[in-house]
Amino acid sequence: MLQSFSANRVLRPVAIALALGATLVFAGSAGAVVCKATATVAFARAASQAGALSDSKSAWRAAVISRYGVAWSIWKAAAGQSQVCSRPSDWICYASARPCRGSLP
Protein backbone atom coordinates (compact mmCIF):
# COMPACT_ATOMS: atom_id res chain seq x y z
CA MET A 1 0.00 0.00 0.00
CA LEU A 2 1.32 3.46 -0.87
CA GLN A 3 1.82 6.00 1.87
CA SER A 4 0.14 9.34 1.43
CA PHE A 5 2.45 12.32 1.07
CA SER A 6 2.67 14.51 4.14
CA ALA A 7 4.09 18.03 3.92
CA ASN A 8 5.07 17.76 7.58
CA ARG A 9 7.50 14.96 6.76
CA VAL A 10 9.37 17.32 4.48
CA LEU A 11 8.94 20.61 6.32
CA ARG A 12 9.65 19.44 9.87
CA PRO A 13 13.34 18.55 9.22
CA VAL A 14 13.82 21.86 7.38
CA ALA A 15 12.34 23.82 10.29
CA ILE A 16 14.54 21.95 12.77
CA ALA A 17 17.66 22.56 10.67
CA LEU A 18 16.89 26.28 10.42
CA ALA A 19 16.25 26.52 14.15
CA LEU A 20 19.64 24.96 14.79
CA GLY A 21 21.39 27.54 12.59
CA ALA A 22 22.13 25.23 9.68
CA THR A 23 23.19 26.59 6.34
CA LEU A 24 20.80 26.59 3.41
CA VAL A 25 21.83 25.28 -0.01
CA PHE A 26 20.17 26.55 -3.16
CA ALA A 27 20.94 24.66 -6.36
CA GLY A 28 21.11 26.81 -9.43
CA SER A 29 22.08 26.29 -13.03
CA ALA A 30 25.50 27.87 -12.41
CA GLY A 31 26.17 25.89 -9.22
CA ALA A 32 25.17 25.84 -5.59
CA VAL A 33 24.77 28.94 -3.43
CA VAL A 34 25.04 28.31 0.29
CA CYS A 35 23.59 30.85 2.75
CA LYS A 36 23.76 31.08 6.51
CA ALA A 37 20.39 30.66 8.20
CA THR A 38 20.76 33.77 10.39
CA ALA A 39 21.50 37.34 9.43
CA THR A 40 24.58 39.26 10.46
CA VAL A 41 23.82 42.82 11.58
CA ALA A 42 26.30 45.70 11.79
CA PHE A 43 26.00 49.47 12.10
CA ALA A 44 27.96 52.62 11.41
CA ARG A 45 27.67 56.29 12.31
CA ALA A 46 28.68 59.16 10.01
CA ALA A 47 27.93 62.82 9.33
CA SER A 48 26.18 62.01 6.04
CA GLN A 49 23.66 59.34 5.20
CA ALA A 50 25.73 58.18 2.23
CA GLY A 51 28.76 57.78 4.47
CA ALA A 52 26.81 55.83 7.09
CA LEU A 53 25.30 53.55 4.42
CA SER A 54 28.72 52.79 2.96
CA ASP A 55 30.33 52.36 6.37
CA SER A 56 27.55 50.03 7.57
CA LYS A 57 28.20 47.71 4.60
CA SER A 58 31.90 47.78 5.46
CA ALA A 59 31.10 46.98 9.09
CA TRP A 60 28.84 44.12 7.96
CA ARG A 61 31.64 42.75 5.77
CA ALA A 62 34.16 42.95 8.63
CA ALA A 63 31.76 41.17 11.00
CA VAL A 64 31.13 38.41 8.45
CA ILE A 65 34.85 37.96 7.76
CA SER A 66 35.62 37.62 11.46
CA ARG A 67 32.78 35.13 11.97
CA TYR A 68 32.78 33.06 8.75
CA GLY A 69 35.73 34.08 6.55
CA VAL A 70 36.23 36.13 3.38
CA ALA A 71 34.29 33.75 1.11
CA TRP A 72 31.04 34.71 2.89
CA SER A 73 31.59 38.49 2.91
CA ILE A 74 30.29 39.65 -0.50
CA TRP A 75 27.31 41.96 0.08
CA LYS A 76 25.87 41.42 -3.43
CA ALA A 77 25.79 37.65 -2.83
CA ALA A 78 24.06 37.97 0.57
CA ALA A 79 20.39 37.07 1.02
CA GLY A 80 17.78 39.34 2.57
CA GLN A 81 19.84 42.51 2.34
CA SER A 82 18.49 45.42 4.33
CA GLN A 83 19.81 48.83 5.33
CA VAL A 84 17.94 51.10 7.70
CA CYS A 85 19.04 54.57 8.74
CA SER A 86 18.04 57.15 11.32
CA ARG A 87 19.38 60.56 12.30
CA PRO A 88 19.25 61.30 16.02
CA SER A 89 22.30 63.61 15.62
CA ASP A 90 24.70 61.96 13.17
CA TRP A 91 23.40 59.40 10.68
CA ILE A 92 23.31 55.82 11.99
CA CYS A 93 22.73 53.01 9.49
CA TYR A 94 22.28 49.31 10.13
CA ALA A 95 23.16 46.70 7.49
CA SER A 96 21.62 43.26 7.82
CA ALA A 97 21.88 40.22 5.54
CA ARG A 98 22.42 36.47 5.55
CA PRO A 99 25.95 35.75 4.30
CA CYS A 100 26.13 33.50 1.23
CA ARG A 101 28.91 31.96 -0.82
CA GLY A 102 29.05 30.28 -4.19
CA SER A 103 27.98 31.46 -7.62
CA LEU A 104 26.07 34.72 -7.75
CA PRO A 105 22.45 34.25 -8.84
C-alpha atoms as a PDB file:
ATOM      1  CA  MET A   1       0.000   0.000   0.000  1.00  0.00           C
ATOM      2  CA  LEU A   2       1.318   3.463  -0.875  1.00  0.00           C
ATOM      3  CA  GLN A   3       1.819   6.002   1.872  1.00  0.00           C
ATOM      4  CA  SER A   4       0.144   9.342   1.430  1.00  0.00           C
ATOM      5  CA  PHE A   5       2.454  12.325   1.071  1.00  0.00           C
ATOM      6  CA  SER A   6       2.667  14.506   4.144  1.00  0.00           C
ATOM      7  CA  ALA A   7       4.090  18.025   3.916  1.00  0.00           C
ATOM      8  CA  ASN A   8       5.067  17.757   7.585  1.00  0.00           C
ATOM      9  CA  ARG A   9       7.504  14.960   6.760  1.00  0.00           C
ATOM     10  CA  VAL A  10       9.373  17.324   4.485  1.00  0.00           C
ATOM     11  CA  LEU A  11       8.938  20.611   6.318  1.00  0.00           C
ATOM     12  CA  ARG A  12       9.650  19.438   9.869  1.00  0.00           C
ATOM     13  CA  PRO A  13      13.344  18.547   9.219  1.00  0.00           C
ATOM     14  CA  VAL A  14      13.822  21.857   7.380  1.00  0.00           C
ATOM     15  CA  ALA A  15      12.344  23.825  10.293  1.00  0.00           C
ATOM     16  CA  ILE A  16      14.538  21.955  12.767  1.00  0.00           C
ATOM     17  CA  ALA A  17      17.662  22.561  10.672  1.00  0.00           C
ATOM     18  CA  LEU A  18      16.890  26.285  10.423  1.00  0.00           C
ATOM     19  CA  ALA A  19      16.245  26.520  14.146  1.00  0.00           C
ATOM     20  CA  LEU A  20      19.640  24.960  14.792  1.00  0.00           C
ATOM     21  CA  GLY A  21      21.387  27.536  12.588  1.00  0.00           C
ATOM     22  CA  ALA A  22      22.131  25.232   9.684  1.00  0.00           C
ATOM     23  CA  THR A  23      23.194  26.593   6.335  1.00  0.00           C
ATOM     24  CA  LEU A  24      20.802  26.592   3.414  1.00  0.00           C
ATOM     25  CA  VAL A  25      21.826  25.284  -0.008  1.00  0.00           C
ATOM     26  CA  PHE A  26      20.166  26.553  -3.164  1.00  0.00           C
ATOM     27  CA  ALA A  27      20.936  24.665  -6.358  1.00  0.00           C
ATOM     28  CA  GLY A  28      21.114  26.814  -9.432  1.00  0.00           C
ATOM     29  CA  SER A  29      22.081  26.287 -13.030  1.00  0.00           C
ATOM     30  CA  ALA A  30      25.498  27.870 -12.410  1.00  0.00           C
ATOM     31  CA  GLY A  31      26.167  25.894  -9.220  1.00  0.00           C
ATOM     32  CA  ALA A  32      25.165  25.844  -5.591  1.00  0.00           C
ATOM     33  CA  VAL A  33      24.775  28.939  -3.433  1.00  0.00           C
ATOM     34  CA  VAL A  34      25.042  28.309   0.295  1.00  0.00           C
ATOM     35  CA  CYS A  35      23.593  30.854   2.750  1.00  0.00           C
ATOM     36  CA  LYS A  36      23.762  31.078   6.513  1.00  0.00           C
ATOM     37  CA  ALA A  37      20.385  30.661   8.205  1.00  0.00           C
ATOM     38  CA  THR A  38      20.758  33.765  10.387  1.00  0.00           C
ATOM     39  CA  ALA A  39      21.505  37.335   9.433  1.00  0.00           C
ATOM     40  CA  THR A  40      24.579  39.263  10.457  1.00  0.00           C
ATOM     41  CA  VAL A  41      23.822  42.822  11.575  1.00  0.00           C
ATOM     42  CA  ALA A  42      26.300  45.700  11.795  1.00  0.00           C
ATOM     43  CA  PHE A  43      25.996  49.469  12.097  1.00  0.00           C
ATOM     44  CA  ALA A  44      27.962  52.621  11.415  1.00  0.00           C
ATOM     45  CA  ARG A  45      27.666  56.289  12.314  1.00  0.00           C
ATOM     46  CA  ALA A  46      28.677  59.159  10.008  1.00  0.00           C
ATOM     47  CA  ALA A  47      27.932  62.823   9.333  1.00  0.00           C
ATOM     48  CA  SER A  48      26.185  62.008   6.036  1.00  0.00           C
ATOM     49  CA  GLN A  49      23.660  59.340   5.200  1.00  0.00           C
ATOM     50  CA  ALA A  50      25.732  58.179   2.225  1.00  0.00           C
ATOM     51  CA  GLY A  51      28.757  57.778   4.469  1.00  0.00           C
ATOM     52  CA  ALA A  52      26.812  55.835   7.088  1.00  0.00           C
ATOM     53  CA  LEU A  53      25.305  53.554   4.417  1.00  0.00           C
ATOM     54  CA  SER A  54      28.722  52.795   2.961  1.00  0.00           C
ATOM     55  CA  ASP A  55      30.329  52.358   6.369  1.00  0.00           C
ATOM     56  CA  SER A  56      27.551  50.030   7.573  1.00  0.00           C
ATOM     57  CA  LYS A  57      28.203  47.712   4.605  1.00  0.00           C
ATOM     58  CA  SER A  58      31.905  47.779   5.462  1.00  0.00           C
ATOM     59  CA  ALA A  59      31.098  46.980   9.093  1.00  0.00           C
ATOM     60  CA  TRP A  60      28.844  44.119   7.959  1.00  0.00           C
ATOM     61  CA  ARG A  61      31.639  42.753   5.767  1.00  0.00           C
ATOM     62  CA  ALA A  62      34.160  42.954   8.632  1.00  0.00           C
ATOM     63  CA  ALA A  63      31.757  41.167  11.003  1.00  0.00           C
ATOM     64  CA  VAL A  64      31.134  38.408   8.448  1.00  0.00           C
ATOM     65  CA  ILE A  65      34.853  37.960   7.762  1.00  0.00           C
ATOM     66  CA  SER A  66      35.621  37.621  11.463  1.00  0.00           C
ATOM     67  CA  ARG A  67      32.777  35.134  11.969  1.00  0.00           C
ATOM     68  CA  TYR A  68      32.777  33.056   8.754  1.00  0.00           C
ATOM     69  CA  GLY A  69      35.726  34.083   6.552  1.00  0.00           C
ATOM     70  CA  VAL A  70      36.234  36.128   3.383  1.00  0.00           C
ATOM     71  CA  ALA A  71      34.288  33.754   1.106  1.00  0.00           C
ATOM     72  CA  TRP A  72      31.044  34.711   2.894  1.00  0.00           C
ATOM     73  CA  SER A  73      31.593  38.487   2.906  1.00  0.00           C
ATOM     74  CA  ILE A  74      30.291  39.653  -0.504  1.00  0.00           C
ATOM     75  CA  TRP A  75      27.306  41.955   0.081  1.00  0.00           C
ATOM     76  CA  LYS A  76      25.873  41.415  -3.434  1.00  0.00           C
ATOM     77  CA  ALA A  77      25.788  37.648  -2.829  1.00  0.00           C
ATOM     78  CA  ALA A  78      24.062  37.968   0.574  1.00  0.00           C
ATOM     79  CA  ALA A  79      20.391  37.067   1.019  1.00  0.00           C
ATOM     80  CA  GLY A  80      17.783  39.338   2.566  1.00  0.00           C
ATOM     81  CA  GLN A  81      19.841  42.507   2.344  1.00  0.00           C
ATOM     82  CA  SER A  82      18.488  45.418   4.332  1.00  0.00           C
ATOM     83  CA  GLN A  83      19.806  48.828   5.326  1.00  0.00           C
ATOM     84  CA  VAL A  84      17.935  51.101   7.696  1.00  0.00           C
ATOM     85  CA  CYS A  85      19.043  54.575   8.743  1.00  0.00           C
ATOM     86  CA  SER A  86      18.041  57.154  11.319  1.00  0.00           C
ATOM     87  CA  ARG A  87      19.377  60.560  12.302  1.00  0.00           C
ATOM     88  CA  PRO A  88      19.251  61.298  16.021  1.00  0.00           C
ATOM     89  CA  SER A  89      22.300  63.608  15.616  1.00  0.00           C
ATOM     90  CA  ASP A  90      24.702  61.964  13.173  1.00  0.00           C
ATOM     91  CA  TRP A  91      23.400  59.400  10.685  1.00  0.00           C
ATOM     92  CA  ILE A  92      23.306  55.822  11.990  1.00  0.00           C
ATOM     93  CA  CYS A  93      22.728  53.009   9.492  1.00  0.00           C
ATOM     94  CA  TYR A  94      22.282  49.309  10.133  1.00  0.00           C
ATOM     95  CA  ALA A  95      23.162  46.704   7.492  1.00  0.00           C
ATOM     96  CA  SER A  96      21.624  43.256   7.822  1.00  0.00           C
ATOM     97  CA  ALA A  97      21.881  40.220   5.537  1.00  0.00           C
ATOM     98  CA  ARG A  98      22.421  36.474   5.555  1.00  0.00           C
ATOM     99  CA  PRO A  99      25.953  35.749   4.302  1.00  0.00           C
ATOM    100  CA  CYS A 100      26.131  33.500   1.227  1.00  0.00           C
ATOM    101  CA  ARG A 101      28.912  31.965  -0.820  1.00  0.00           C
ATOM    102  CA  GLY A 102      29.054  30.280  -4.186  1.00  0.00           C
ATOM    103  CA  SER A 103      27.978  31.457  -7.618  1.00  0.00           C
ATOM    104  CA  LEU A 104      26.071  34.716  -7.749  1.00  0.00           C
ATOM    105  CA  PRO A 105      22.451  34.246  -8.840  1.00  0.00           C
END
